[in-house]
Amino acid sequence: MRNIFLETNNLYLEPLEEQHLSDNYIFWLNNSEITQYNSHGIFPNTKEATLGYIQNCQNRTQIVLAIIDKKTNQHIGNTAISKIDYINSHADISILLGEKEFWGKGYAVEVFRATLSHCFNKLNLNKINSGTTSDNIPMQKVFKKLNFTQEGLLREYFQRDGRFVDIVPFGILKREFIDG
């Protein structure tokens, strides 16, 4: 029995829980190729640290969902709605696709479309923010497919492998979102 929170054509999105903790999940968080464009992989991750995160990740300002492939029932990544600000009506979204065989196949667009729909239609938010490093071209393409707008450039904001890289922030307003 799945604890489905959101569903897409190919995926289930369910609350991240202890059942999702696996050696494979820990591997994603420590693998330099998988974490090259995000803030994971800076410090070694352990099963205990990840369990602590899972036990505390669901609250009124953050929703973290496991991404499950419908065909295989495999946990392939996570997505999060974070920094939910109900007064100013905005939040951030992010994604980690840990299983590389799912990269480049449209799953990020599918996940973000469902997440954005939830943010705008259920949480009644007006704006969603996200971003990526300037060299993460695939993620920038995801944002453009979903009608996000680039909102500047954070110069030398993220340090990776001894060099500083720029962050490209993106945002989308409720009225700009095309659902489906």
N, C-alpha and C. Protein backbone atom coordinates (compact mmCIF):
# COMPACT_ATOMS: atom_id res chain seq x y z
N MET A 1 0.84 -1.18 0.00
CA MET A 1 0.00 0.00 0.00
C MET A 1 0.89 1.25 0.00
N ARG A 2 0.75 2.07 -1.01
CA ARG A 2 1.53 3.30 -1.15
C ARG A 2 0.83 4.43 -0.40
N ASN A 3 1.61 5.35 0.12
CA ASN A 3 1.10 6.55 0.78
C ASN A 3 1.22 7.71 -0.22
N ILE A 4 0.42 7.68 -1.27
CA ILE A 4 0.55 8.62 -2.38
C ILE A 4 -0.01 9.99 -2.00
N PHE A 5 0.82 11.01 -2.16
CA PHE A 5 0.42 12.39 -1.90
C PHE A 5 0.08 13.09 -3.21
N LEU A 6 0.94 12.93 -4.22
CA LEU A 6 0.71 13.45 -5.56
C LEU A 6 1.03 12.33 -6.54
N GLU A 7 0.40 12.39 -7.71
CA GLU A 7 0.64 11.36 -8.71
C GLU A 7 0.75 12.00 -10.08
N THR A 8 1.68 11.47 -10.90
CA THR A 8 1.84 11.92 -12.28
C THR A 8 1.66 10.69 -13.17
N ASN A 9 1.86 10.86 -14.46
CA ASN A 9 1.73 9.73 -15.37
C ASN A 9 2.66 8.58 -15.02
N ASN A 10 3.89 8.91 -14.66
CA ASN A 10 4.92 7.88 -14.44
C ASN A 10 5.37 7.71 -13.00
N LEU A 11 4.92 8.59 -12.12
CA LEU A 11 5.50 8.65 -10.78
C LEU A 11 4.46 8.80 -9.68
N TYR A 12 4.83 8.30 -8.51
CA TYR A 12 4.13 8.60 -7.27
C TYR A 12 5.03 9.52 -6.47
N LEU A 13 4.44 10.51 -5.84
CA LEU A 13 5.16 11.36 -4.90
C LEU A 13 4.53 11.14 -3.55
N GLU A 14 5.30 10.61 -2.62
CA GLU A 14 4.77 10.29 -1.30
C GLU A 14 5.65 10.90 -0.24
N PRO A 15 5.09 11.19 0.95
CA PRO A 15 5.89 11.80 2.01
C PRO A 15 7.15 10.96 2.28
N LEU A 16 8.29 11.63 2.35
CA LEU A 16 9.54 10.95 2.66
C LEU A 16 9.46 10.42 4.09
N GLU A 17 9.64 9.10 4.23
CA GLU A 17 9.53 8.45 5.52
C GLU A 17 10.69 7.47 5.70
N GLU A 18 10.76 6.88 6.88
CA GLU A 18 11.85 5.96 7.20
C GLU A 18 11.94 4.80 6.22
N GLN A 19 10.83 4.37 5.65
CA GLN A 19 10.86 3.26 4.70
C GLN A 19 11.70 3.58 3.46
N HIS A 20 11.94 4.87 3.19
CA HIS A 20 12.73 5.27 2.02
C HIS A 20 14.23 5.27 2.30
N LEU A 21 14.60 5.15 3.56
CA LEU A 21 16.02 5.14 3.92
C LEU A 21 16.65 3.83 3.45
N SER A 22 17.65 3.95 2.61
CA SER A 22 18.33 2.77 2.07
C SER A 22 19.79 3.11 1.83
N ASP A 23 20.59 2.08 1.61
CA ASP A 23 21.99 2.30 1.25
C ASP A 23 22.09 3.09 -0.05
N ASN A 24 21.16 2.83 -0.96
CA ASN A 24 21.16 3.53 -2.24
C ASN A 24 20.93 5.03 -2.04
N TYR A 25 20.00 5.38 -1.17
CA TYR A 25 19.71 6.78 -0.87
C TYR A 25 20.96 7.46 -0.28
N ILE A 26 21.62 6.81 0.64
CA ILE A 26 22.86 7.36 1.21
C ILE A 26 23.91 7.53 0.12
N PHE A 27 24.00 6.59 -0.79
CA PHE A 27 24.94 6.66 -1.92
C PHE A 27 24.70 7.94 -2.73
N TRP A 28 23.44 8.26 -3.03
CA TRP A 28 23.15 9.46 -3.81
C TRP A 28 23.74 10.69 -3.14
N LEU A 29 23.55 10.79 -1.82
CA LEU A 29 23.96 11.98 -1.08
C LEU A 29 25.47 12.13 -0.96
N ASN A 30 26.20 11.04 -1.17
CA ASN A 30 27.66 11.07 -1.08
C ASN A 30 28.34 11.00 -2.44
N ASN A 31 27.59 10.79 -3.51
CA ASN A 31 28.16 10.61 -4.84
C ASN A 31 28.39 11.97 -5.50
N SER A 32 29.64 12.25 -5.87
CA SER A 32 29.97 13.57 -6.41
C SER A 32 29.31 13.87 -7.75
N GLU A 33 29.05 12.87 -8.56
CA GLU A 33 28.37 13.13 -9.84
C GLU A 33 26.90 13.50 -9.61
N ILE A 34 26.25 12.80 -8.70
CA ILE A 34 24.83 13.06 -8.42
C ILE A 34 24.65 14.40 -7.72
N THR A 35 25.59 14.78 -6.87
CA THR A 35 25.45 16.02 -6.08
C THR A 35 26.21 17.20 -6.65
N GLN A 36 26.73 17.09 -7.86
CA GLN A 36 27.59 18.14 -8.39
C GLN A 36 26.92 19.51 -8.52
N TYR A 37 25.60 19.55 -8.65
CA TYR A 37 24.91 20.83 -8.84
C TYR A 37 24.10 21.27 -7.63
N ASN A 38 24.27 20.60 -6.48
CA ASN A 38 23.47 20.98 -5.32
C ASN A 38 24.33 21.02 -4.06
N SER A 39 23.71 21.24 -2.94
CA SER A 39 24.45 21.42 -1.68
C SER A 39 24.74 20.12 -0.95
N HIS A 40 24.28 18.99 -1.47
CA HIS A 40 24.64 17.71 -0.86
C HIS A 40 26.08 17.37 -1.25
N GLY A 41 26.65 16.40 -0.60
CA GLY A 41 27.99 15.96 -0.94
C GLY A 41 29.10 16.83 -0.40
N ILE A 42 28.77 17.81 0.43
CA ILE A 42 29.78 18.68 1.03
C ILE A 42 30.41 17.96 2.24
N PHE A 43 29.56 17.38 3.05
CA PHE A 43 30.00 16.61 4.21
C PHE A 43 29.53 15.18 4.01
N PRO A 44 30.27 14.20 4.53
CA PRO A 44 29.84 12.82 4.37
C PRO A 44 28.47 12.61 5.01
N ASN A 45 27.64 11.84 4.34
CA ASN A 45 26.32 11.56 4.87
C ASN A 45 26.29 10.14 5.41
N THR A 46 25.56 9.95 6.49
CA THR A 46 25.45 8.64 7.11
C THR A 46 23.98 8.24 7.19
N LYS A 47 23.74 6.99 7.46
CA LYS A 47 22.38 6.50 7.64
C LYS A 47 21.72 7.21 8.83
N GLU A 48 22.46 7.42 9.91
CA GLU A 48 21.91 8.06 11.11
C GLU A 48 21.54 9.51 10.82
N ALA A 49 22.41 10.24 10.12
CA ALA A 49 22.13 11.64 9.79
C ALA A 49 20.91 11.74 8.87
N THR A 50 20.82 10.85 7.90
CA THR A 50 19.69 10.88 6.97
C THR A 50 18.39 10.51 7.69
N LEU A 51 18.45 9.56 8.61
CA LEU A 51 17.28 9.20 9.40
C LEU A 51 16.80 10.40 10.21
N GLY A 52 17.72 11.12 10.81
CA GLY A 52 17.36 12.32 11.56
C GLY A 52 16.67 13.36 10.68
N TYR A 53 17.18 13.53 9.47
CA TYR A 53 16.56 14.45 8.52
C TYR A 53 15.14 14.00 8.19
N ILE A 54 15.00 12.72 7.87
CA ILE A 54 13.68 12.19 7.49
C ILE A 54 12.67 12.37 8.62
N GLN A 55 13.10 12.13 9.85
CA GLN A 55 12.19 12.23 10.99
C GLN A 55 11.74 13.66 11.28
N ASN A 56 12.46 14.64 10.75
CA ASN A 56 12.14 16.03 11.04
C ASN A 56 11.82 16.88 9.81
N CYS A 57 11.68 16.26 8.65
CA CYS A 57 11.57 17.07 7.43
C CYS A 57 10.15 17.54 7.10
N GLN A 58 9.14 16.95 7.69
CA GLN A 58 7.77 17.37 7.37
C GLN A 58 7.27 18.34 8.42
N ASN A 59 6.91 19.54 7.99
CA ASN A 59 6.33 20.52 8.91
C ASN A 59 5.56 21.56 8.10
N ARG A 60 5.07 22.57 8.73
CA ARG A 60 4.23 23.57 8.04
C ARG A 60 5.01 24.44 7.07
N THR A 61 6.33 24.46 7.16
CA THR A 61 7.11 25.28 6.23
C THR A 61 7.92 24.44 5.24
N GLN A 62 7.73 23.13 5.28
CA GLN A 62 8.48 22.26 4.37
C GLN A 62 7.73 20.95 4.13
N ILE A 63 7.69 20.53 2.87
CA ILE A 63 7.12 19.25 2.47
C ILE A 63 8.17 18.54 1.64
N VAL A 64 8.58 17.37 2.07
CA VAL A 64 9.58 16.60 1.33
C VAL A 64 8.93 15.30 0.86
N LEU A 65 9.05 15.05 -0.43
CA LEU A 65 8.39 13.90 -1.04
C LEU A 65 9.40 12.98 -1.72
N ALA A 66 9.21 11.69 -1.52
CA ALA A 66 9.99 10.68 -2.23
C ALA A 66 9.39 10.53 -3.62
N ILE A 67 10.25 10.42 -4.62
CA ILE A 67 9.80 10.21 -6.00
C ILE A 67 9.91 8.71 -6.28
N ILE A 68 8.78 8.09 -6.61
CA ILE A 68 8.72 6.65 -6.82
C ILE A 68 8.32 6.37 -8.27
N ASP A 69 9.11 5.55 -8.96
CA ASP A 69 8.78 5.13 -10.32
C ASP A 69 7.62 4.13 -10.25
N LYS A 70 6.54 4.41 -10.98
CA LYS A 70 5.36 3.54 -10.93
C LYS A 70 5.64 2.13 -11.46
N LYS A 71 6.46 2.02 -12.48
CA LYS A 71 6.70 0.71 -13.10
C LYS A 71 7.46 -0.24 -12.18
N THR A 72 8.43 0.30 -11.45
CA THR A 72 9.30 -0.57 -10.65
C THR A 72 9.09 -0.41 -9.14
N ASN A 73 8.30 0.59 -8.72
CA ASN A 73 8.15 0.94 -7.31
C ASN A 73 9.48 1.33 -6.66
N GLN A 74 10.41 1.80 -7.47
CA GLN A 74 11.74 2.18 -7.00
C GLN A 74 11.76 3.65 -6.56
N HIS A 75 12.38 3.90 -5.42
CA HIS A 75 12.62 5.27 -4.94
C HIS A 75 13.76 5.84 -5.78
N ILE A 76 13.47 6.85 -6.61
CA ILE A 76 14.49 7.36 -7.55
C ILE A 76 14.99 8.75 -7.20
N GLY A 77 14.38 9.39 -6.21
CA GLY A 77 14.82 10.73 -5.84
C GLY A 77 13.86 11.37 -4.87
N ASN A 78 14.08 12.64 -4.60
CA ASN A 78 13.23 13.41 -3.69
C ASN A 78 12.95 14.78 -4.29
N THR A 79 11.86 15.35 -3.89
CA THR A 79 11.56 16.74 -4.21
C THR A 79 11.08 17.42 -2.95
N ALA A 80 11.28 18.73 -2.86
CA ALA A 80 10.89 19.45 -1.66
C ALA A 80 10.25 20.79 -2.00
N ILE A 81 9.27 21.13 -1.22
CA ILE A 81 8.72 22.48 -1.16
C ILE A 81 9.22 23.01 0.18
N SER A 82 10.03 24.04 0.16
CA SER A 82 10.62 24.51 1.41
C SER A 82 10.48 26.03 1.55
N LYS A 83 10.80 26.50 2.72
CA LYS A 83 10.70 27.93 3.04
C LYS A 83 9.30 28.45 2.69
N ILE A 84 8.27 27.67 3.01
CA ILE A 84 6.91 28.09 2.71
C ILE A 84 6.56 29.28 3.59
N ASP A 85 6.23 30.38 2.94
CA ASP A 85 5.90 31.63 3.62
C ASP A 85 4.45 31.96 3.28
N TYR A 86 3.53 31.66 4.20
CA TYR A 86 2.11 31.85 3.95
C TYR A 86 1.70 33.33 3.98
N ILE A 87 2.44 34.15 4.69
CA ILE A 87 2.13 35.58 4.75
C ILE A 87 2.45 36.25 3.42
N ASN A 88 3.65 35.99 2.89
CA ASN A 88 4.06 36.62 1.63
C ASN A 88 3.78 35.75 0.41
N SER A 89 3.24 34.56 0.64
CA SER A 89 2.72 33.67 -0.40
C SER A 89 3.78 33.19 -1.40
N HIS A 90 4.88 32.69 -0.86
CA HIS A 90 5.90 32.11 -1.74
C HIS A 90 6.62 30.96 -1.05
N ALA A 91 7.35 30.17 -1.85
CA ALA A 91 8.13 29.03 -1.35
C ALA A 91 9.22 28.72 -2.36
N ASP A 92 10.11 27.82 -1.97
CA ASP A 92 11.15 27.30 -2.86
C ASP A 92 10.83 25.86 -3.20
N ILE A 93 11.25 25.41 -4.39
CA ILE A 93 11.16 23.99 -4.72
C ILE A 93 12.52 23.50 -5.19
N SER A 94 12.76 22.21 -4.96
CA SER A 94 14.02 21.60 -5.37
C SER A 94 13.78 20.14 -5.70
N ILE A 95 14.79 19.54 -6.33
CA ILE A 95 14.70 18.13 -6.71
C ILE A 95 16.08 17.51 -6.65
N LEU A 96 16.10 16.24 -6.31
CA LEU A 96 17.31 15.41 -6.40
C LEU A 96 16.88 14.11 -7.05
N LEU A 97 17.31 13.90 -8.29
CA LEU A 97 17.09 12.61 -8.95
C LEU A 97 18.36 11.80 -8.74
N GLY A 98 18.29 10.82 -7.87
CA GLY A 98 19.46 10.05 -7.50
C GLY A 98 19.79 8.92 -8.45
N GLU A 99 18.80 8.40 -9.12
CA GLU A 99 19.02 7.28 -10.04
C GLU A 99 19.32 7.82 -11.43
N LYS A 100 20.56 7.69 -11.86
CA LYS A 100 21.02 8.31 -13.10
C LYS A 100 20.29 7.82 -14.35
N GLU A 101 19.77 6.58 -14.33
CA GLU A 101 19.06 6.09 -15.52
C GLU A 101 17.75 6.85 -15.76
N PHE A 102 17.32 7.68 -14.80
CA PHE A 102 16.12 8.49 -14.96
C PHE A 102 16.44 9.93 -15.38
N TRP A 103 17.71 10.26 -15.52
CA TRP A 103 18.10 11.60 -15.93
C TRP A 103 17.78 11.81 -17.42
N GLY A 104 17.41 13.02 -17.77
CA GLY A 104 17.22 13.38 -19.16
C GLY A 104 16.00 12.78 -19.83
N LYS A 105 15.04 12.31 -19.04
CA LYS A 105 13.86 11.65 -19.60
C LYS A 105 12.55 12.37 -19.26
N GLY A 106 12.67 13.60 -18.78
CA GLY A 106 11.47 14.39 -18.51
C GLY A 106 10.88 14.23 -17.12
N TYR A 107 11.52 13.46 -16.26
CA TYR A 107 10.96 13.24 -14.92
C TYR A 107 11.00 14.50 -14.06
N ALA A 108 12.03 15.31 -14.19
CA ALA A 108 12.10 16.54 -13.40
C ALA A 108 10.95 17.47 -13.77
N VAL A 109 10.66 17.59 -15.06
CA VAL A 109 9.53 18.41 -15.50
C VAL A 109 8.23 17.86 -14.92
N GLU A 110 8.06 16.55 -14.97
CA GLU A 110 6.85 15.90 -14.46
C GLU A 110 6.69 16.15 -12.96
N VAL A 111 7.77 16.00 -12.22
CA VAL A 111 7.74 16.21 -10.77
C VAL A 111 7.43 17.67 -10.45
N PHE A 112 8.14 18.58 -11.11
CA PHE A 112 7.93 20.00 -10.81
C PHE A 112 6.54 20.46 -11.23
N ARG A 113 5.99 19.95 -12.32
CA ARG A 113 4.64 20.34 -12.74
C ARG A 113 3.64 19.95 -11.64
N ALA A 114 3.75 18.74 -11.12
CA ALA A 114 2.84 18.30 -10.04
C ALA A 114 3.06 19.12 -8.77
N THR A 115 4.31 19.41 -8.47
CA THR A 115 4.64 20.18 -7.27
C THR A 115 4.12 21.61 -7.39
N LEU A 116 4.32 22.21 -8.56
CA LEU A 116 3.82 23.57 -8.78
C LEU A 116 2.30 23.63 -8.68
N SER A 117 1.64 22.64 -9.25
CA SER A 117 0.18 22.58 -9.17
C SER A 117 -0.26 22.54 -7.71
N HIS A 118 0.40 21.74 -6.91
CA HIS A 118 0.07 21.67 -5.48
C HIS A 118 0.32 23.02 -4.80
N CYS A 119 1.46 23.63 -5.10
CA CYS A 119 1.79 24.93 -4.48
C CYS A 119 0.76 25.99 -4.81
N PHE A 120 0.36 26.07 -6.07
CA PHE A 120 -0.54 27.12 -6.50
C PHE A 120 -2.01 26.82 -6.19
N ASN A 121 -2.42 25.57 -6.33
CA ASN A 121 -3.83 25.23 -6.21
C ASN A 121 -4.25 24.75 -4.82
N LYS A 122 -3.34 24.16 -4.07
CA LYS A 122 -3.68 23.66 -2.73
C LYS A 122 -3.13 24.56 -1.62
N LEU A 123 -1.88 24.96 -1.75
CA LEU A 123 -1.28 25.83 -0.74
C LEU A 123 -1.62 27.30 -0.99
N ASN A 124 -2.19 27.58 -2.17
CA ASN A 124 -2.60 28.93 -2.56
C ASN A 124 -1.45 29.94 -2.51
N LEU A 125 -0.27 29.49 -2.95
CA LEU A 125 0.87 30.38 -3.02
C LEU A 125 0.84 31.17 -4.32
N ASN A 126 1.52 32.30 -4.34
CA ASN A 126 1.56 33.15 -5.53
C ASN A 126 2.85 33.02 -6.32
N LYS A 127 3.95 32.66 -5.65
CA LYS A 127 5.24 32.60 -6.33
C LYS A 127 6.05 31.42 -5.82
N ILE A 128 6.76 30.78 -6.76
CA ILE A 128 7.68 29.70 -6.41
C ILE A 128 9.06 30.06 -6.95
N ASN A 129 10.05 29.88 -6.09
CA ASN A 129 11.45 30.15 -6.43
C ASN A 129 12.22 28.85 -6.54
N SER A 130 13.24 28.87 -7.36
CA SER A 130 14.18 27.77 -7.45
C SER A 130 15.45 28.32 -8.08
N GLY A 131 16.38 27.46 -8.36
CA GLY A 131 17.61 27.91 -9.01
C GLY A 131 18.58 26.77 -9.17
N THR A 132 19.65 27.05 -9.87
CA THR A 132 20.67 26.05 -10.11
C THR A 132 21.99 26.74 -10.43
N THR A 133 23.03 25.97 -10.51
CA THR A 133 24.31 26.54 -10.88
C THR A 133 24.30 26.91 -12.36
N SER A 134 25.14 27.86 -12.72
CA SER A 134 25.16 28.36 -14.10
C SER A 134 25.60 27.30 -15.10
N ASP A 135 26.28 26.26 -14.65
CA ASP A 135 26.71 25.21 -15.58
C ASP A 135 25.75 24.01 -15.63
N ASN A 136 24.64 24.08 -14.90
CA ASN A 136 23.65 23.00 -14.94
C ASN A 136 22.60 23.31 -16.01
N ILE A 137 23.01 23.14 -17.25
CA ILE A 137 22.16 23.47 -18.39
C ILE A 137 20.89 22.62 -18.43
N PRO A 138 20.95 21.30 -18.15
CA PRO A 138 19.71 20.51 -18.15
C PRO A 138 18.64 21.06 -17.19
N MET A 139 19.04 21.49 -16.01
CA MET A 139 18.06 22.02 -15.06
C MET A 139 17.52 23.36 -15.53
N GLN A 140 18.35 24.17 -16.14
CA GLN A 140 17.87 25.44 -16.68
C GLN A 140 16.83 25.20 -17.78
N LYS A 141 17.01 24.14 -18.57
CA LYS A 141 16.02 23.78 -19.59
C LYS A 141 14.70 23.35 -18.95
N VAL A 142 14.77 22.65 -17.82
CA VAL A 142 13.56 22.26 -17.09
C VAL A 142 12.79 23.52 -16.70
N PHE A 143 13.48 24.49 -16.13
CA PHE A 143 12.80 25.72 -15.70
C PHE A 143 12.14 26.43 -16.89
N LYS A 144 12.85 26.49 -17.99
CA LYS A 144 12.29 27.17 -19.17
C LYS A 144 11.07 26.43 -19.72
N LYS A 145 11.09 25.09 -19.71
CA LYS A 145 9.94 24.32 -20.17
C LYS A 145 8.71 24.59 -19.31
N LEU A 146 8.92 24.89 -18.05
CA LEU A 146 7.82 25.12 -17.12
C LEU A 146 7.41 26.59 -17.02
N ASN A 147 8.03 27.44 -17.84
CA ASN A 147 7.69 28.86 -17.90
C ASN A 147 8.24 29.68 -16.73
N PHE A 148 9.28 29.20 -16.06
CA PHE A 148 9.96 30.00 -15.05
C PHE A 148 10.69 31.15 -15.75
N THR A 149 10.94 32.22 -15.01
CA THR A 149 11.70 33.36 -15.48
C THR A 149 13.00 33.44 -14.71
N GLN A 150 14.10 33.63 -15.44
CA GLN A 150 15.38 33.86 -14.76
C GLN A 150 15.31 35.21 -14.07
N GLU A 151 15.74 35.25 -12.81
CA GLU A 151 15.62 36.46 -12.00
C GLU A 151 16.98 36.94 -11.51
N GLY A 152 17.89 37.13 -12.43
CA GLY A 152 19.19 37.66 -12.08
C GLY A 152 20.28 36.60 -12.09
N LEU A 153 21.35 36.91 -11.37
CA LEU A 153 22.50 36.02 -11.27
C LEU A 153 23.18 36.27 -9.93
N LEU A 154 23.42 35.21 -9.18
CA LEU A 154 24.16 35.32 -7.92
C LEU A 154 25.59 34.91 -8.22
N ARG A 155 26.44 35.90 -8.37
CA ARG A 155 27.81 35.65 -8.80
C ARG A 155 28.65 34.95 -7.74
N GLU A 156 29.38 33.93 -8.18
CA GLU A 156 30.31 33.18 -7.32
C GLU A 156 29.68 32.85 -5.97
N TYR A 157 28.49 32.31 -6.00
CA TYR A 157 27.69 32.07 -4.81
C TYR A 157 27.88 30.68 -4.21
N PHE A 158 28.37 29.77 -5.01
CA PHE A 158 28.45 28.36 -4.62
C PHE A 158 29.86 27.87 -4.90
N GLN A 159 30.48 27.25 -3.92
CA GLN A 159 31.84 26.74 -4.11
C GLN A 159 31.79 25.24 -4.37
N ARG A 160 32.45 24.83 -5.43
CA ARG A 160 32.50 23.42 -5.79
C ARG A 160 33.88 23.11 -6.33
N ASP A 161 34.50 22.09 -5.76
CA ASP A 161 35.81 21.62 -6.22
C ASP A 161 36.84 22.74 -6.30
N GLY A 162 36.85 23.59 -5.29
CA GLY A 162 37.86 24.64 -5.20
C GLY A 162 37.63 25.84 -6.10
N ARG A 163 36.48 25.90 -6.72
CA ARG A 163 36.17 27.08 -7.55
C ARG A 163 34.77 27.57 -7.22
N PHE A 164 34.55 28.83 -7.47
CA PHE A 164 33.25 29.43 -7.23
C PHE A 164 32.44 29.42 -8.52
N VAL A 165 31.15 29.10 -8.40
CA VAL A 165 30.26 29.10 -9.55
C VAL A 165 29.06 30.00 -9.25
N ASP A 166 28.49 30.52 -10.30
CA ASP A 166 27.32 31.38 -10.18
C ASP A 166 26.06 30.53 -9.98
N ILE A 167 25.09 31.12 -9.31
CA ILE A 167 23.77 30.53 -9.18
C ILE A 167 22.80 31.34 -10.04
N VAL A 168 21.98 30.64 -10.79
CA VAL A 168 20.96 31.27 -11.62
C VAL A 168 19.62 31.07 -10.93
N PRO A 169 19.06 32.13 -10.34
CA PRO A 169 17.75 32.00 -9.69
C PRO A 169 16.62 32.11 -10.70
N PHE A 170 15.58 31.31 -10.49
CA PHE A 170 14.40 31.31 -11.33
C PHE A 170 13.17 31.46 -10.45
N GLY A 171 12.12 32.02 -11.01
CA GLY A 171 10.85 32.13 -10.30
C GLY A 171 9.69 32.01 -11.26
N ILE A 172 8.56 31.61 -10.72
CA ILE A 172 7.33 31.54 -11.50
C ILE A 172 6.18 32.00 -10.62
N LEU A 173 5.30 32.81 -11.22
CA LEU A 173 4.11 33.29 -10.54
C LEU A 173 2.93 32.39 -10.87
N LYS A 174 1.95 32.37 -9.99
CA LYS A 174 0.76 31.55 -10.19
C LYS A 174 0.11 31.81 -11.55
N ARG A 175 0.01 33.08 -11.94
CA ARG A 175 -0.63 33.42 -13.21
C ARG A 175 0.18 32.99 -14.43
N GLU A 176 1.46 32.65 -14.24
CA GLU A 176 2.31 32.21 -15.35
C GLU A 176 2.33 30.70 -15.51
N PHE A 177 1.82 29.99 -14.52
CA PHE A 177 1.89 28.53 -14.52
C PHE A 177 0.86 27.94 -15.47
N ILE A 178 1.33 27.05 -16.32
CA ILE A 178 0.46 26.32 -17.24
C ILE A 178 0.38 24.89 -16.74
N ASP A 179 -0.75 24.51 -16.17
CA ASP A 179 -0.92 23.18 -15.56
C ASP A 179 -1.28 22.16 -16.64
N GLY A 180 -0.36 21.20 -16.85
CA GLY A 180 -0.63 20.14 -17.83
C GLY A 180 0.05 20.44 -19.07
